[in-house]
Amino acid sequence: MTYTQAQIDRANAANLEDFLRAQGETLVRSGKEYRWKAHDSLTICGNKWFRHSQSKGGVY
C-alpha cells in the first residue's frame, strides 16, 4: 500500500495515547509515559513510542 505525504504527516501528528484508548486498549501509567498493557515492553508518550525489547522507536 502506498501512502501520500499528507497521510504520513497526519499519522505522525496523531496522539497514540488517544488512538489506542479509542480502540479499547489499556494503557498503564509509567512515570511520564504509558505502557501498553498488551505489549508491556512498548512505552508511549504523545505520538512517540519505544519498543524496549527491540530497542526501536520513533514517531508513529
PDB file of N, CA and C in Angstrom:
ATOM      1  N   MET A   1       0.848  -1.175   0.000  1.00  0.00           N
ATOM      2  CA  MET A   1       0.000   0.000   0.000  1.00  0.00           C
ATOM      3  C   MET A   1       0.893   1.238   0.000  1.00  0.00           C
ATOM      4  N   THR A   2       0.523   2.215  -0.775  1.00  0.00           N
ATOM      5  CA  THR A   2       1.265   3.464  -0.874  1.00  0.00           C
ATOM      6  C   THR A   2       0.499   4.563  -0.155  1.00  0.00           C
ATOM      7  N   TYR A   3       1.232   5.367   0.611  1.00  0.00           N
ATOM      8  CA  TYR A   3       0.620   6.477   1.355  1.00  0.00           C
ATOM      9  C   TYR A   3       1.131   7.794   0.809  1.00  0.00           C
ATOM     10  N   THR A   4       0.264   8.802   0.816  1.00  0.00           N
ATOM     11  CA  THR A   4       0.689  10.135   0.406  1.00  0.00           C
ATOM     12  C   THR A   4       1.461  10.785   1.549  1.00  0.00           C
ATOM     13  N   GLN A   5       2.216  11.805   1.241  1.00  0.00           N
ATOM     14  CA  GLN A   5       2.950  12.517   2.275  1.00  0.00           C
ATOM     15  C   GLN A   5       1.997  13.140   3.282  1.00  0.00           C
ATOM     16  N   ALA A   6       0.844  13.600   2.816  1.00  0.00           N
ATOM     17  CA  ALA A   6      -0.155  14.185   3.725  1.00  0.00           C
ATOM     18  C   ALA A   6      -0.663  13.138   4.717  1.00  0.00           C
ATOM     19  N   GLN A   7      -0.876  11.903   4.253  1.00  0.00           N
ATOM     20  CA  GLN A   7      -1.317  10.831   5.145  1.00  0.00           C
ATOM     21  C   GLN A   7      -0.229  10.488   6.168  1.00  0.00           C
ATOM     22  N   ILE A   8       1.001  10.459   5.728  1.00  0.00           N
ATOM     23  CA  ILE A   8       2.130  10.175   6.623  1.00  0.00           C
ATOM     24  C   ILE A   8       2.248  11.272   7.674  1.00  0.00           C
ATOM     25  N   ASP A   9       2.159  12.526   7.250  1.00  0.00           N
ATOM     26  CA  ASP A   9       2.247  13.654   8.181  1.00  0.00           C
ATOM     27  C   ASP A   9       1.113  13.606   9.206  1.00  0.00           C
ATOM     28  N   ARG A  10      -0.085  13.259   8.748  1.00  0.00           N
ATOM     29  CA  ARG A  10      -1.249  13.171   9.655  1.00  0.00           C
ATOM     30  C   ARG A  10      -1.055  12.058  10.679  1.00  0.00           C
ATOM     31  N   ALA A  11      -0.551  10.919  10.235  1.00  0.00           N
ATOM     32  CA  ALA A  11      -0.295   9.807  11.156  1.00  0.00           C
ATOM     33  C   ALA A  11       0.789  10.173  12.163  1.00  0.00           C
ATOM     34  N   ASN A  12       1.834  10.847  11.717  1.00  0.00           N
ATOM     35  CA  ASN A  12       2.918  11.252  12.610  1.00  0.00           C
ATOM     36  C   ASN A  12       2.460  12.241  13.663  1.00  0.00           C
ATOM     37  N   ALA A  13       1.434  13.018  13.361  1.00  0.00           N
ATOM     38  CA  ALA A  13       0.922  14.018  14.303  1.00  0.00           C
ATOM     39  C   ALA A  13      -0.123  13.445  15.254  1.00  0.00           C
ATOM     40  N   ALA A  14      -0.586  12.226  14.998  1.00  0.00           N
ATOM     41  CA  ALA A  14      -1.639  11.619  15.827  1.00  0.00           C
ATOM     42  C   ALA A  14      -1.132  11.336  17.235  1.00  0.00           C
ATOM     43  N   ASN A  15      -2.011  11.457  18.207  1.00  0.00           N
ATOM     44  CA  ASN A  15      -1.672  11.144  19.586  1.00  0.00           C
ATOM     45  C   ASN A  15      -1.941   9.654  19.805  1.00  0.00           C
ATOM     46  N   LEU A  16      -0.876   8.869  19.975  1.00  0.00           N
ATOM     47  CA  LEU A  16      -1.022   7.425  20.121  1.00  0.00           C
ATOM     48  C   LEU A  16      -1.806   7.034  21.363  1.00  0.00           C
ATOM     49  N   GLU A  17      -1.644   7.795  22.431  1.00  0.00           N
ATOM     50  CA  GLU A  17      -2.398   7.509  23.659  1.00  0.00           C
ATOM     51  C   GLU A  17      -3.894   7.550  23.368  1.00  0.00           C
ATOM     52  N   ASP A  18      -4.343   8.627  22.745  1.00  0.00           N
ATOM     53  CA  ASP A  18      -5.760   8.781  22.425  1.00  0.00           C
ATOM     54  C   ASP A  18      -6.229   7.720  21.435  1.00  0.00           C
ATOM     55  N   PHE A  19      -5.412   7.436  20.417  1.00  0.00           N
ATOM     56  CA  PHE A  19      -5.784   6.452  19.414  1.00  0.00           C
ATOM     57  C   PHE A  19      -5.958   5.068  20.026  1.00  0.00           C
ATOM     58  N   LEU A  20      -5.000   4.637  20.839  1.00  0.00           N
ATOM     59  CA  LEU A  20      -5.090   3.304  21.433  1.00  0.00           C
ATOM     60  C   LEU A  20      -6.277   3.192  22.389  1.00  0.00           C
ATOM     61  N   ARG A  21      -6.507   4.227  23.169  1.00  0.00           N
ATOM     62  CA  ARG A  21      -7.674   4.210  24.070  1.00  0.00           C
ATOM     63  C   ARG A  21      -8.978   4.135  23.276  1.00  0.00           C
ATOM     64  N   ALA A  22      -9.061   4.858  22.166  1.00  0.00           N
ATOM     65  CA  ALA A  22     -10.262   4.833  21.328  1.00  0.00           C
ATOM     66  C   ALA A  22     -10.489   3.449  20.721  1.00  0.00           C
ATOM     67  N   GLN A  23      -9.410   2.674  20.582  1.00  0.00           N
ATOM     68  CA  GLN A  23      -9.514   1.308  20.065  1.00  0.00           C
ATOM     69  C   GLN A  23      -9.812   0.305  21.170  1.00  0.00           C
ATOM     70  N   GLY A  24      -9.964   0.797  22.418  1.00  0.00           N
ATOM     71  CA  GLY A  24     -10.286  -0.071  23.539  1.00  0.00           C
ATOM     72  C   GLY A  24      -9.072  -0.680  24.230  1.00  0.00           C
ATOM     73  N   GLU A  25      -7.887  -0.192  23.904  1.00  0.00           N
ATOM     74  CA  GLU A  25      -6.656  -0.713  24.517  1.00  0.00           C
ATOM     75  C   GLU A  25      -6.443  -0.087  25.893  1.00  0.00           C
ATOM     76  N   THR A  26      -5.774  -0.828  26.770  1.00  0.00           N
ATOM     77  CA  THR A  26      -5.491  -0.357  28.117  1.00  0.00           C
ATOM     78  C   THR A  26      -4.050   0.140  28.194  1.00  0.00           C
ATOM     79  N   LEU A  27      -3.893   1.362  28.697  1.00  0.00           N
ATOM     80  CA  LEU A  27      -2.566   1.940  28.915  1.00  0.00           C
ATOM     81  C   LEU A  27      -2.357   2.103  30.414  1.00  0.00           C
ATOM     82  N   VAL A  28      -1.155   1.782  30.869  1.00  0.00           N
ATOM     83  CA  VAL A  28      -0.824   1.863  32.287  1.00  0.00           C
ATOM     84  C   VAL A  28       0.236   2.943  32.462  1.00  0.00           C
ATOM     85  N   ARG A  29      -0.010   3.875  33.377  1.00  0.00           N
ATOM     86  CA  ARG A  29       0.930   4.972  33.645  1.00  0.00           C
ATOM     87  C   ARG A  29       2.258   4.408  34.149  1.00  0.00           C
ATOM     88  N   SER A  30       3.354   4.905  33.563  1.00  0.00           N
ATOM     89  CA  SER A  30       4.705   4.510  33.965  1.00  0.00           C
ATOM     90  C   SER A  30       5.561   5.770  33.942  1.00  0.00           C
ATOM     91  N   GLY A  31       5.622   6.473  35.065  1.00  0.00           N
ATOM     92  CA  GLY A  31       6.311   7.762  35.103  1.00  0.00           C
ATOM     93  C   GLY A  31       5.538   8.770  34.285  1.00  0.00           C
ATOM     94  N   LYS A  32       6.222   9.445  33.349  1.00  0.00           N
ATOM     95  CA  LYS A  32       5.531  10.407  32.494  1.00  0.00           C
ATOM     96  C   LYS A  32       5.078   9.779  31.180  1.00  0.00           C
ATOM     97  N   GLU A  33       5.286   8.475  31.036  1.00  0.00           N
ATOM     98  CA  GLU A  33       4.874   7.740  29.846  1.00  0.00           C
ATOM     99  C   GLU A  33       3.769   6.747  30.203  1.00  0.00           C
ATOM    100  N   TYR A  34       3.311   6.037  29.192  1.00  0.00           N
ATOM    101  CA  TYR A  34       2.342   4.958  29.382  1.00  0.00           C
ATOM    102  C   TYR A  34       2.902   3.683  28.787  1.00  0.00           C
ATOM    103  N   ARG A  35       2.587   2.564  29.410  1.00  0.00           N
ATOM    104  CA  ARG A  35       2.914   1.255  28.859  1.00  0.00           C
ATOM    105  C   ARG A  35       1.630   0.663  28.305  1.00  0.00           C
ATOM    106  N   TRP A  36       1.736   0.064  27.137  1.00  0.00           N
ATOM    107  CA  TRP A  36       0.602  -0.596  26.514  1.00  0.00           C
ATOM    108  C   TRP A  36       0.458  -1.949  27.177  1.00  0.00           C
ATOM    109  N   LYS A  37      -0.658  -2.181  27.844  1.00  0.00           N
ATOM    110  CA  LYS A  37      -0.842  -3.398  28.628  1.00  0.00           C
ATOM    111  C   LYS A  37      -0.662  -4.659  27.785  1.00  0.00           C
ATOM    112  N   ALA A  38      -1.110  -4.646  26.538  1.00  0.00           N
ATOM    113  CA  ALA A  38      -0.995  -5.812  25.660  1.00  0.00           C
ATOM    114  C   ALA A  38       0.453  -6.091  25.248  1.00  0.00           C
ATOM    115  N   HIS A  39       1.299  -5.066  25.251  1.00  0.00           N
ATOM    116  CA  HIS A  39       2.704  -5.188  24.865  1.00  0.00           C
ATOM    117  C   HIS A  39       3.509  -4.348  25.856  1.00  0.00           C
ATOM    118  N   ASP A  40       3.779  -4.913  27.019  1.00  0.00           N
ATOM    119  CA  ASP A  40       4.342  -4.095  28.099  1.00  0.00           C
ATOM    120  C   ASP A  40       5.763  -3.610  27.860  1.00  0.00           C
ATOM    121  N   SER A  41       6.437  -4.064  26.793  1.00  0.00           N
ATOM    122  CA  SER A  41       7.755  -3.505  26.513  1.00  0.00           C
ATOM    123  C   SER A  41       7.645  -2.246  25.652  1.00  0.00           C
ATOM    124  N   LEU A  42       6.417  -1.857  25.306  1.00  0.00           N
ATOM    125  CA  LEU A  42       6.184  -0.680  24.485  1.00  0.00           C
ATOM    126  C   LEU A  42       5.731   0.479  25.357  1.00  0.00           C
ATOM    127  N   THR A  43       6.478   1.580  25.334  1.00  0.00           N
ATOM    128  CA  THR A  43       6.061   2.779  26.054  1.00  0.00           C
ATOM    129  C   THR A  43       5.656   3.838  25.041  1.00  0.00           C
ATOM    130  N   ILE A  44       4.715   4.685  25.463  1.00  0.00           N
ATOM    131  CA  ILE A  44       4.128   5.690  24.593  1.00  0.00           C
ATOM    132  C   ILE A  44       4.081   7.013  25.339  1.00  0.00           C
ATOM    133  N   CYS A  45       4.430   8.071  24.622  1.00  0.00           N
ATOM    134  CA  CYS A  45       4.330   9.417  25.169  1.00  0.00           C
ATOM    135  C   CYS A  45       3.890  10.332  24.026  1.00  0.00           C
ATOM    136  N   GLY A  46       2.611  10.709  24.031  1.00  0.00           N
ATOM    137  CA  GLY A  46       2.077  11.521  22.930  1.00  0.00           C
ATOM    138  C   GLY A  46       2.066  10.732  21.638  1.00  0.00           C
ATOM    139  N   ASN A  47       2.813  11.200  20.633  1.00  0.00           N
ATOM    140  CA  ASN A  47       2.861  10.475  19.368  1.00  0.00           C
ATOM    141  C   ASN A  47       4.180   9.721  19.196  1.00  0.00           C
ATOM    142  N   LYS A  48       4.935   9.597  20.279  1.00  0.00           N
ATOM    143  CA  LYS A  48       6.212   8.878  20.232  1.00  0.00           C
ATOM    144  C   LYS A  48       6.084   7.540  20.940  1.00  0.00           C
ATOM    145  N   TRP A  49       6.801   6.545  20.445  1.00  0.00           N
ATOM    146  CA  TRP A  49       6.758   5.207  21.028  1.00  0.00           C
ATOM    147  C   TRP A  49       8.167   4.635  21.091  1.00  0.00           C
ATOM    148  N   PHE A  50       8.352   3.660  21.975  1.00  0.00           N
ATOM    149  CA  PHE A  50       9.628   2.961  22.055  1.00  0.00           C
ATOM    150  C   PHE A  50       9.363   1.522  22.464  1.00  0.00           C
ATOM    151  N   ARG A  51       9.870   0.579  21.691  1.00  0.00           N
ATOM    152  CA  ARG A  51       9.733  -0.849  21.986  1.00  0.00           C
ATOM    153  C   ARG A  51      11.040  -1.298  22.630  1.00  0.00           C
ATOM    154  N   HIS A  52      11.043  -1.399  23.959  1.00  0.00           N
ATOM    155  CA  HIS A  52      12.252  -1.692  24.726  1.00  0.00           C
ATOM    156  C   HIS A  52      12.843  -3.043  24.373  1.00  0.00           C
ATOM    157  N   SER A  53      12.017  -4.047  24.108  1.00  0.00           N
ATOM    158  CA  SER A  53      12.522  -5.382  23.802  1.00  0.00           C
ATOM    159  C   SER A  53      13.286  -5.437  22.493  1.00  0.00           C
ATOM    160  N   GLN A  54      13.040  -4.463  21.605  1.00  0.00           N
ATOM    161  CA  GLN A  54      13.712  -4.441  20.315  1.00  0.00           C
ATOM    162  C   GLN A  54      14.617  -3.225  20.138  1.00  0.00           C
ATOM    163  N   SER A  55      14.673  -2.372  21.144  1.00  0.00           N
ATOM    164  CA  SER A  55      15.453  -1.126  21.101  1.00  0.00           C
ATOM    165  C   SER A  55      15.129  -0.305  19.850  1.00  0.00           C
ATOM    166  N   LYS A  56      13.828  -0.189  19.545  1.00  0.00           N
ATOM    167  CA  LYS A  56      13.371   0.591  18.393  1.00  0.00           C
ATOM    168  C   LYS A  56      12.297   1.567  18.847  1.00  0.00           C
ATOM    169  N   GLY A  57      12.207   2.674  18.149  1.00  0.00           N
ATOM    170  CA  GLY A  57      11.181   3.638  18.493  1.00  0.00           C
ATOM    171  C   GLY A  57      11.125   4.763  17.500  1.00  0.00           C
ATOM    172  N   GLY A  58      10.251   5.702  17.781  1.00  0.00           N
ATOM    173  CA  GLY A  58      10.117   6.852  16.924  1.00  0.00           C
ATOM    174  C   GLY A  58       8.749   7.463  17.008  1.00  0.00           C
ATOM    175  N   VAL A  59       8.392   8.118  15.920  1.00  0.00           N
ATOM    176  CA  VAL A  59       7.074   8.721  15.802  1.00  0.00           C
ATOM    177  C   VAL A  59       6.241   7.754  14.995  1.00  0.00           C
ATOM    178  N   TYR A  60       5.026   7.515  15.453  1.00  0.00           N
ATOM    179  CA  TYR A  60       4.161   6.570  14.756  1.00  0.00           C
ATOM    180  C   TYR A  60       3.671   7.149  13.472  1.00  0.00           C
TER     181      TYR A  60
END
